[in-house]
Amino acid sequence: MNLSTHRPRRVLVLDGQGGGIGAQLVRLLRPRLPEDCELLCLGTNVLATSAMLKAGGSQGATGENAIVYQAARADLILGPIGIIMANGILGEVSPTMAAAVSGSDAVKILIPSTTCGIHVAGTENCRLDEYLRRAIEQAEKVLL
C-alpha cells in the first residue's frame, strides 16, 4: 500500500470586522484554486469568519489561537494589510496574531488599505476591486 506524504497546500484568507475583503477574496479565489489546495477562512471575529464561509471557504475558524496555529502551517496567506500590524483592523489584530502572520514562512498577498493607517510607497491608488483582481492573479502565480 502506497501512502502519500503529500499534504494539500493550505491557503488562508484572513480578515476582521465584517469580513468583506476576505469574502471577496474567497469568492474570487475559490474557482481558480488547484485541486490540491485547502481554502481556510480565519476571522478575528465570528462575523468575519461567517462571511468568508458563506462566500465559499472550505473551513473556518475564529480568534487568536486559530490564526496563530494556522499561520504556522500555511503556504499562502491573503488578506488586508492590517493583518500584519499589531492592533490593526481597528484593534482586532493582537500583537501575537500580527507576529504569527508576519513571521509565517507562507507567501503573503496583502490588500492595501489606508484605513489601517499604512501607506505603501509605490502602490497605485486603485479601487478595491482592482486590488482584489491583482491579488488573485498573484495567488495563481504562487499556486501554479
N, C-alpha and C. Protein backbone atom coordinates (compact mmCIF):
# COMPACT_ATOMS: atom_id res chain seq x y z
N MET A 1 0.84 -1.17 0.00
CA MET A 1 0.00 0.00 0.00
C MET A 1 0.89 1.24 0.00
N ASN A 2 0.63 2.16 -0.91
CA ASN A 2 1.43 3.37 -1.04
C ASN A 2 0.70 4.53 -0.35
N LEU A 3 1.23 4.98 0.76
CA LEU A 3 0.63 6.11 1.47
C LEU A 3 1.39 7.37 1.09
N SER A 4 0.69 8.29 0.50
CA SER A 4 1.32 9.53 0.07
C SER A 4 1.55 10.44 1.28
N THR A 5 2.71 11.06 1.32
CA THR A 5 3.00 12.01 2.39
C THR A 5 2.68 13.44 1.95
N HIS A 6 2.18 13.57 0.74
CA HIS A 6 1.84 14.90 0.24
C HIS A 6 0.61 15.42 0.97
N ARG A 7 0.73 16.59 1.54
CA ARG A 7 -0.44 17.21 2.17
C ARG A 7 -0.96 18.30 1.24
N PRO A 8 -2.25 18.54 1.31
CA PRO A 8 -2.79 19.63 0.47
C PRO A 8 -2.13 20.95 0.85
N ARG A 9 -1.97 21.81 -0.14
CA ARG A 9 -1.45 23.15 0.15
C ARG A 9 -2.53 23.93 0.87
N ARG A 10 -2.11 24.68 1.87
CA ARG A 10 -3.06 25.45 2.68
C ARG A 10 -3.03 26.91 2.28
N VAL A 11 -4.19 27.39 1.86
CA VAL A 11 -4.37 28.79 1.53
C VAL A 11 -5.27 29.38 2.60
N LEU A 12 -4.77 30.41 3.28
CA LEU A 12 -5.55 31.07 4.32
C LEU A 12 -6.01 32.43 3.83
N VAL A 13 -7.26 32.74 4.09
CA VAL A 13 -7.76 34.08 3.90
C VAL A 13 -8.12 34.59 5.28
N LEU A 14 -7.51 35.71 5.68
CA LEU A 14 -7.72 36.30 6.99
C LEU A 14 -8.41 37.64 6.85
N ASP A 15 -9.32 37.92 7.77
CA ASP A 15 -9.98 39.22 7.78
C ASP A 15 -10.61 39.46 9.15
N GLY A 16 -11.05 40.68 9.34
CA GLY A 16 -11.72 41.09 10.57
C GLY A 16 -12.96 41.89 10.23
N GLN A 17 -13.43 42.68 11.21
CA GLN A 17 -14.63 43.50 11.03
C GLN A 17 -15.77 42.62 10.48
N GLY A 18 -16.35 43.00 9.35
CA GLY A 18 -17.44 42.22 8.76
C GLY A 18 -16.99 41.17 7.77
N GLY A 19 -15.69 41.08 7.53
CA GLY A 19 -15.16 40.07 6.62
C GLY A 19 -15.37 40.37 5.15
N GLY A 20 -15.67 41.61 4.80
CA GLY A 20 -15.97 41.96 3.41
C GLY A 20 -14.83 41.72 2.44
N ILE A 21 -13.64 42.14 2.79
CA ILE A 21 -12.50 41.93 1.90
C ILE A 21 -12.20 40.43 1.80
N GLY A 22 -12.19 39.74 2.94
CA GLY A 22 -11.94 38.31 2.93
C GLY A 22 -12.97 37.54 2.12
N ALA A 23 -14.24 37.92 2.25
CA ALA A 23 -15.30 37.24 1.50
C ALA A 23 -15.11 37.44 0.00
N GLN A 24 -14.73 38.63 -0.40
CA GLN A 24 -14.49 38.87 -1.82
C GLN A 24 -13.29 38.08 -2.32
N LEU A 25 -12.24 37.99 -1.51
CA LEU A 25 -11.08 37.19 -1.88
C LEU A 25 -11.47 35.72 -2.05
N VAL A 26 -12.24 35.19 -1.11
CA VAL A 26 -12.68 33.79 -1.19
C VAL A 26 -13.51 33.57 -2.44
N ARG A 27 -14.46 34.45 -2.69
CA ARG A 27 -15.34 34.30 -3.86
C ARG A 27 -14.55 34.30 -5.17
N LEU A 28 -13.54 35.16 -5.27
CA LEU A 28 -12.73 35.24 -6.48
C LEU A 28 -11.71 34.11 -6.59
N LEU A 29 -11.19 33.66 -5.46
CA LEU A 29 -10.12 32.67 -5.45
C LEU A 29 -10.64 31.24 -5.59
N ARG A 30 -11.74 30.92 -4.95
CA ARG A 30 -12.27 29.56 -4.91
C ARG A 30 -12.29 28.88 -6.28
N PRO A 31 -12.86 29.47 -7.33
CA PRO A 31 -12.91 28.76 -8.61
C PRO A 31 -11.56 28.61 -9.31
N ARG A 32 -10.55 29.30 -8.84
CA ARG A 32 -9.24 29.26 -9.50
C ARG A 32 -8.21 28.41 -8.77
N LEU A 33 -8.59 27.85 -7.63
CA LEU A 33 -7.64 27.06 -6.86
C LEU A 33 -7.38 25.70 -7.49
N PRO A 34 -6.13 25.26 -7.50
CA PRO A 34 -5.84 23.88 -7.91
C PRO A 34 -6.52 22.90 -6.94
N GLU A 35 -6.74 21.69 -7.40
CA GLU A 35 -7.45 20.68 -6.60
C GLU A 35 -6.74 20.34 -5.29
N ASP A 36 -5.42 20.50 -5.26
CA ASP A 36 -4.68 20.10 -4.06
C ASP A 36 -4.59 21.21 -3.01
N CYS A 37 -5.48 22.20 -3.08
CA CYS A 37 -5.45 23.31 -2.13
C CYS A 37 -6.66 23.29 -1.20
N GLU A 38 -6.38 23.54 0.07
CA GLU A 38 -7.43 23.76 1.06
C GLU A 38 -7.59 25.27 1.20
N LEU A 39 -8.81 25.74 1.24
CA LEU A 39 -9.08 27.17 1.43
C LEU A 39 -9.69 27.36 2.82
N LEU A 40 -8.88 27.87 3.74
CA LEU A 40 -9.31 28.07 5.11
C LEU A 40 -9.57 29.54 5.37
N CYS A 41 -10.67 29.83 6.03
CA CYS A 41 -11.07 31.20 6.34
C CYS A 41 -10.87 31.45 7.83
N LEU A 42 -10.09 32.45 8.15
CA LEU A 42 -9.82 32.77 9.54
C LEU A 42 -10.23 34.20 9.81
N GLY A 43 -11.08 34.37 10.79
CA GLY A 43 -11.55 35.70 11.15
C GLY A 43 -11.09 36.10 12.53
N THR A 44 -10.93 37.39 12.71
CA THR A 44 -10.65 37.89 14.05
C THR A 44 -11.91 37.87 14.89
N ASN A 45 -13.06 37.70 14.24
CA ASN A 45 -14.34 37.60 14.93
C ASN A 45 -15.26 36.67 14.15
N VAL A 46 -16.35 36.27 14.77
CA VAL A 46 -17.28 35.31 14.16
C VAL A 46 -17.94 35.88 12.91
N LEU A 47 -18.25 37.15 12.90
CA LEU A 47 -18.90 37.76 11.75
C LEU A 47 -18.01 37.66 10.51
N ALA A 48 -16.72 37.94 10.66
CA ALA A 48 -15.79 37.87 9.54
C ALA A 48 -15.65 36.43 9.05
N THR A 49 -15.51 35.49 9.97
CA THR A 49 -15.39 34.09 9.58
C THR A 49 -16.63 33.63 8.84
N SER A 50 -17.78 33.96 9.35
CA SER A 50 -19.05 33.56 8.74
C SER A 50 -19.20 34.11 7.32
N ALA A 51 -18.83 35.36 7.13
CA ALA A 51 -18.92 35.98 5.80
C ALA A 51 -18.03 35.24 4.79
N MET A 52 -16.83 34.87 5.22
CA MET A 52 -15.91 34.17 4.32
C MET A 52 -16.40 32.76 4.01
N LEU A 53 -16.97 32.09 5.00
CA LEU A 53 -17.51 30.75 4.76
C LEU A 53 -18.69 30.80 3.80
N LYS A 54 -19.55 31.78 3.97
CA LYS A 54 -20.69 31.94 3.06
C LYS A 54 -20.23 32.21 1.63
N ALA A 55 -19.05 32.82 1.48
CA ALA A 55 -18.51 33.14 0.16
C ALA A 55 -17.87 31.92 -0.51
N GLY A 56 -17.72 30.80 0.23
CA GLY A 56 -17.20 29.60 -0.40
C GLY A 56 -15.99 28.96 0.26
N GLY A 57 -15.62 29.40 1.44
CA GLY A 57 -14.48 28.79 2.12
C GLY A 57 -14.77 27.36 2.52
N SER A 58 -13.74 26.52 2.55
CA SER A 58 -13.89 25.11 2.91
C SER A 58 -14.13 24.93 4.40
N GLN A 59 -13.32 25.59 5.19
CA GLN A 59 -13.40 25.52 6.64
C GLN A 59 -13.09 26.88 7.20
N GLY A 60 -13.52 27.10 8.43
CA GLY A 60 -13.24 28.38 9.05
C GLY A 60 -12.99 28.24 10.53
N ALA A 61 -12.28 29.21 11.06
CA ALA A 61 -12.02 29.27 12.49
C ALA A 61 -11.89 30.74 12.87
N THR A 62 -12.06 30.99 14.16
CA THR A 62 -12.10 32.37 14.64
C THR A 62 -11.15 32.55 15.82
N GLY A 63 -10.50 33.70 15.85
CA GLY A 63 -9.75 34.11 17.02
C GLY A 63 -8.25 33.93 16.94
N GLU A 64 -7.63 34.42 18.01
CA GLU A 64 -6.17 34.48 18.06
C GLU A 64 -5.52 33.11 17.94
N ASN A 65 -5.95 32.14 18.70
CA ASN A 65 -5.28 30.84 18.67
C ASN A 65 -5.37 30.20 17.30
N ALA A 66 -6.54 30.26 16.68
CA ALA A 66 -6.71 29.67 15.35
C ALA A 66 -5.79 30.34 14.34
N ILE A 67 -5.69 31.64 14.41
CA ILE A 67 -4.85 32.37 13.45
C ILE A 67 -3.37 32.04 13.68
N VAL A 68 -2.93 32.03 14.93
CA VAL A 68 -1.54 31.71 15.24
C VAL A 68 -1.21 30.29 14.79
N TYR A 69 -2.08 29.35 15.09
CA TYR A 69 -1.86 27.94 14.75
C TYR A 69 -1.81 27.73 13.24
N GLN A 70 -2.77 28.27 12.53
CA GLN A 70 -2.86 28.04 11.09
C GLN A 70 -1.81 28.84 10.30
N ALA A 71 -1.44 30.02 10.75
CA ALA A 71 -0.42 30.80 10.05
C ALA A 71 0.90 30.04 9.96
N ALA A 72 1.21 29.27 10.99
CA ALA A 72 2.45 28.50 11.01
C ALA A 72 2.41 27.34 10.02
N ARG A 73 1.22 26.95 9.58
CA ARG A 73 1.06 25.79 8.68
C ARG A 73 0.65 26.19 7.27
N ALA A 74 0.56 27.47 7.02
CA ALA A 74 0.06 27.96 5.73
C ALA A 74 1.15 27.99 4.67
N ASP A 75 0.71 27.86 3.43
CA ASP A 75 1.58 28.03 2.28
C ASP A 75 1.38 29.40 1.63
N LEU A 76 0.16 29.93 1.76
CA LEU A 76 -0.20 31.22 1.18
C LEU A 76 -1.22 31.87 2.10
N ILE A 77 -1.02 33.17 2.38
CA ILE A 77 -1.93 33.93 3.23
C ILE A 77 -2.36 35.18 2.45
N LEU A 78 -3.67 35.41 2.41
CA LEU A 78 -4.21 36.60 1.76
C LEU A 78 -5.09 37.36 2.76
N GLY A 79 -5.10 38.68 2.64
CA GLY A 79 -5.96 39.48 3.49
C GLY A 79 -5.58 40.95 3.41
N PRO A 80 -6.30 41.79 4.14
CA PRO A 80 -5.96 43.21 4.17
C PRO A 80 -4.62 43.41 4.88
N ILE A 81 -3.94 44.46 4.56
CA ILE A 81 -2.60 44.71 5.09
C ILE A 81 -2.58 44.80 6.62
N GLY A 82 -3.69 45.15 7.22
CA GLY A 82 -3.77 45.26 8.67
C GLY A 82 -3.54 43.97 9.42
N ILE A 83 -3.57 42.82 8.73
CA ILE A 83 -3.36 41.54 9.42
C ILE A 83 -1.92 41.33 9.86
N ILE A 84 -1.01 42.16 9.38
CA ILE A 84 0.39 42.04 9.80
C ILE A 84 0.79 43.15 10.77
N MET A 85 -0.18 43.94 11.21
CA MET A 85 0.11 45.08 12.07
C MET A 85 -0.52 44.89 13.44
N ALA A 86 0.28 44.94 14.50
CA ALA A 86 -0.25 44.86 15.85
C ALA A 86 -1.31 45.94 16.03
N ASN A 87 -2.45 45.55 16.52
CA ASN A 87 -3.60 46.43 16.74
C ASN A 87 -4.23 46.92 15.44
N GLY A 88 -3.93 46.22 14.33
CA GLY A 88 -4.53 46.56 13.04
C GLY A 88 -6.01 46.21 13.01
N ILE A 89 -6.65 46.63 11.96
CA ILE A 89 -8.09 46.42 11.75
C ILE A 89 -8.86 46.89 12.99
N LEU A 90 -8.67 48.14 13.33
CA LEU A 90 -9.33 48.79 14.46
C LEU A 90 -9.10 48.07 15.79
N GLY A 91 -7.91 47.51 15.95
CA GLY A 91 -7.55 46.85 17.19
C GLY A 91 -7.90 45.38 17.25
N GLU A 92 -8.48 44.81 16.20
CA GLU A 92 -8.86 43.40 16.22
C GLU A 92 -7.67 42.45 16.08
N VAL A 93 -6.57 42.94 15.54
CA VAL A 93 -5.38 42.09 15.36
C VAL A 93 -4.46 42.31 16.55
N SER A 94 -4.35 41.28 17.37
CA SER A 94 -3.48 41.38 18.54
C SER A 94 -2.02 41.35 18.10
N PRO A 95 -1.11 41.83 18.95
CA PRO A 95 0.32 41.73 18.61
C PRO A 95 0.74 40.28 18.34
N THR A 96 0.17 39.32 19.04
CA THR A 96 0.51 37.92 18.83
C THR A 96 0.06 37.45 17.45
N MET A 97 -1.13 37.85 17.05
CA MET A 97 -1.64 37.49 15.72
C MET A 97 -0.76 38.10 14.64
N ALA A 98 -0.44 39.38 14.78
CA ALA A 98 0.38 40.07 13.77
C ALA A 98 1.75 39.41 13.65
N ALA A 99 2.34 39.05 14.77
CA ALA A 99 3.65 38.40 14.75
C ALA A 99 3.57 37.03 14.07
N ALA A 100 2.50 36.29 14.34
CA ALA A 100 2.35 34.96 13.74
C ALA A 100 2.19 35.05 12.23
N VAL A 101 1.39 36.00 11.76
CA VAL A 101 1.17 36.14 10.33
C VAL A 101 2.42 36.68 9.64
N SER A 102 2.98 37.75 10.17
CA SER A 102 4.16 38.33 9.52
C SER A 102 5.36 37.40 9.61
N GLY A 103 5.45 36.58 10.67
CA GLY A 103 6.56 35.67 10.82
C GLY A 103 6.39 34.33 10.13
N SER A 104 5.23 34.08 9.57
CA SER A 104 4.97 32.83 8.88
C SER A 104 5.85 32.71 7.64
N ASP A 105 6.25 31.48 7.32
CA ASP A 105 7.02 31.24 6.10
C ASP A 105 6.15 31.34 4.85
N ALA A 106 4.85 31.40 5.01
CA ALA A 106 3.93 31.46 3.88
C ALA A 106 4.16 32.72 3.05
N VAL A 107 3.88 32.60 1.76
CA VAL A 107 3.83 33.79 0.90
C VAL A 107 2.61 34.59 1.35
N LYS A 108 2.77 35.90 1.44
CA LYS A 108 1.67 36.76 1.86
C LYS A 108 1.29 37.72 0.73
N ILE A 109 0.01 37.78 0.44
CA ILE A 109 -0.51 38.73 -0.54
C ILE A 109 -1.48 39.62 0.22
N LEU A 110 -1.13 40.90 0.32
CA LEU A 110 -1.87 41.83 1.17
C LEU A 110 -2.57 42.90 0.33
N ILE A 111 -3.77 43.22 0.75
CA ILE A 111 -4.57 44.25 0.09
C ILE A 111 -4.32 45.58 0.80
N PRO A 112 -3.80 46.59 0.08
CA PRO A 112 -3.57 47.89 0.71
C PRO A 112 -4.89 48.52 1.17
N SER A 113 -4.80 49.19 2.30
CA SER A 113 -5.96 49.90 2.83
C SER A 113 -5.47 51.04 3.69
N THR A 114 -5.81 52.24 3.31
CA THR A 114 -5.37 53.40 4.08
C THR A 114 -6.13 53.52 5.40
N THR A 115 -7.23 52.78 5.55
CA THR A 115 -7.96 52.83 6.81
C THR A 115 -7.16 52.21 7.95
N CYS A 116 -6.15 51.42 7.63
CA CYS A 116 -5.28 50.83 8.66
C CYS A 116 -4.15 51.78 9.03
N GLY A 117 -4.08 52.92 8.37
CA GLY A 117 -3.01 53.87 8.66
C GLY A 117 -1.68 53.48 8.05
N ILE A 118 -1.70 52.56 7.09
CA ILE A 118 -0.47 52.14 6.41
C ILE A 118 -0.55 52.62 4.97
N HIS A 119 0.43 53.39 4.57
CA HIS A 119 0.51 53.86 3.19
C HIS A 119 1.78 53.23 2.61
N VAL A 120 1.62 52.46 1.54
CA VAL A 120 2.75 51.77 0.95
C VAL A 120 3.24 52.58 -0.25
N ALA A 121 4.47 53.05 -0.17
CA ALA A 121 5.05 53.81 -1.26
C ALA A 121 5.17 52.90 -2.48
N GLY A 122 4.75 53.39 -3.61
CA GLY A 122 4.88 52.60 -4.83
C GLY A 122 3.59 51.93 -5.25
N THR A 123 2.59 51.92 -4.40
CA THR A 123 1.31 51.36 -4.83
C THR A 123 0.50 52.45 -5.51
N GLU A 124 -0.32 52.02 -6.42
CA GLU A 124 -1.20 52.97 -7.09
C GLU A 124 -2.46 53.15 -6.26
N ASN A 125 -3.10 54.26 -6.42
CA ASN A 125 -4.37 54.48 -5.75
C ASN A 125 -5.46 53.84 -6.62
N CYS A 126 -5.84 52.62 -6.28
CA CYS A 126 -6.81 51.85 -7.06
C CYS A 126 -8.07 51.64 -6.26
N ARG A 127 -9.11 51.26 -6.97
CA ARG A 127 -10.35 50.83 -6.31
C ARG A 127 -10.10 49.45 -5.71
N LEU A 128 -10.87 49.11 -4.71
CA LEU A 128 -10.71 47.82 -4.03
C LEU A 128 -10.83 46.66 -5.01
N ASP A 129 -11.76 46.72 -5.94
CA ASP A 129 -11.94 45.59 -6.87
C ASP A 129 -10.69 45.36 -7.72
N GLU A 130 -9.94 46.41 -8.03
CA GLU A 130 -8.71 46.26 -8.79
C GLU A 130 -7.63 45.60 -7.93
N TYR A 131 -7.51 46.01 -6.67
CA TYR A 131 -6.56 45.37 -5.77
C TYR A 131 -6.89 43.89 -5.61
N LEU A 132 -8.16 43.57 -5.49
CA LEU A 132 -8.58 42.17 -5.35
C LEU A 132 -8.24 41.36 -6.60
N ARG A 133 -8.49 41.92 -7.76
CA ARG A 133 -8.15 41.23 -9.01
C ARG A 133 -6.66 40.94 -9.08
N ARG A 134 -5.85 41.93 -8.72
CA ARG A 134 -4.40 41.75 -8.74
C ARG A 134 -3.95 40.70 -7.72
N ALA A 135 -4.58 40.68 -6.56
CA ALA A 135 -4.23 39.70 -5.53
C ALA A 135 -4.50 38.28 -6.03
N ILE A 136 -5.63 38.08 -6.70
CA ILE A 136 -5.97 36.76 -7.22
C ILE A 136 -4.97 36.34 -8.29
N GLU A 137 -4.58 37.27 -9.16
CA GLU A 137 -3.57 36.96 -10.18
C GLU A 137 -2.25 36.55 -9.53
N GLN A 138 -1.84 37.24 -8.48
CA GLN A 138 -0.60 36.89 -7.79
C GLN A 138 -0.73 35.54 -7.10
N ALA A 139 -1.88 35.26 -6.52
CA ALA A 139 -2.10 33.96 -5.86
C ALA A 139 -2.00 32.82 -6.87
N GLU A 140 -2.57 33.02 -8.05
CA GLU A 140 -2.49 31.99 -9.09
C GLU A 140 -1.04 31.71 -9.47
N LYS A 141 -0.23 32.75 -9.58
CA LYS A 141 1.18 32.56 -9.92
C LYS A 141 1.92 31.77 -8.85
N VAL A 142 1.58 32.01 -7.60
CA VAL A 142 2.22 31.30 -6.49
C VAL A 142 1.81 29.83 -6.49
N LEU A 143 0.54 29.57 -6.77
CA LEU A 143 0.00 28.21 -6.64
C LEU A 143 0.20 27.33 -7.86
N LEU A 144 0.45 27.91 -9.01
CA LEU A 144 0.60 27.09 -10.22
C LEU A 144 2.03 26.70 -10.47
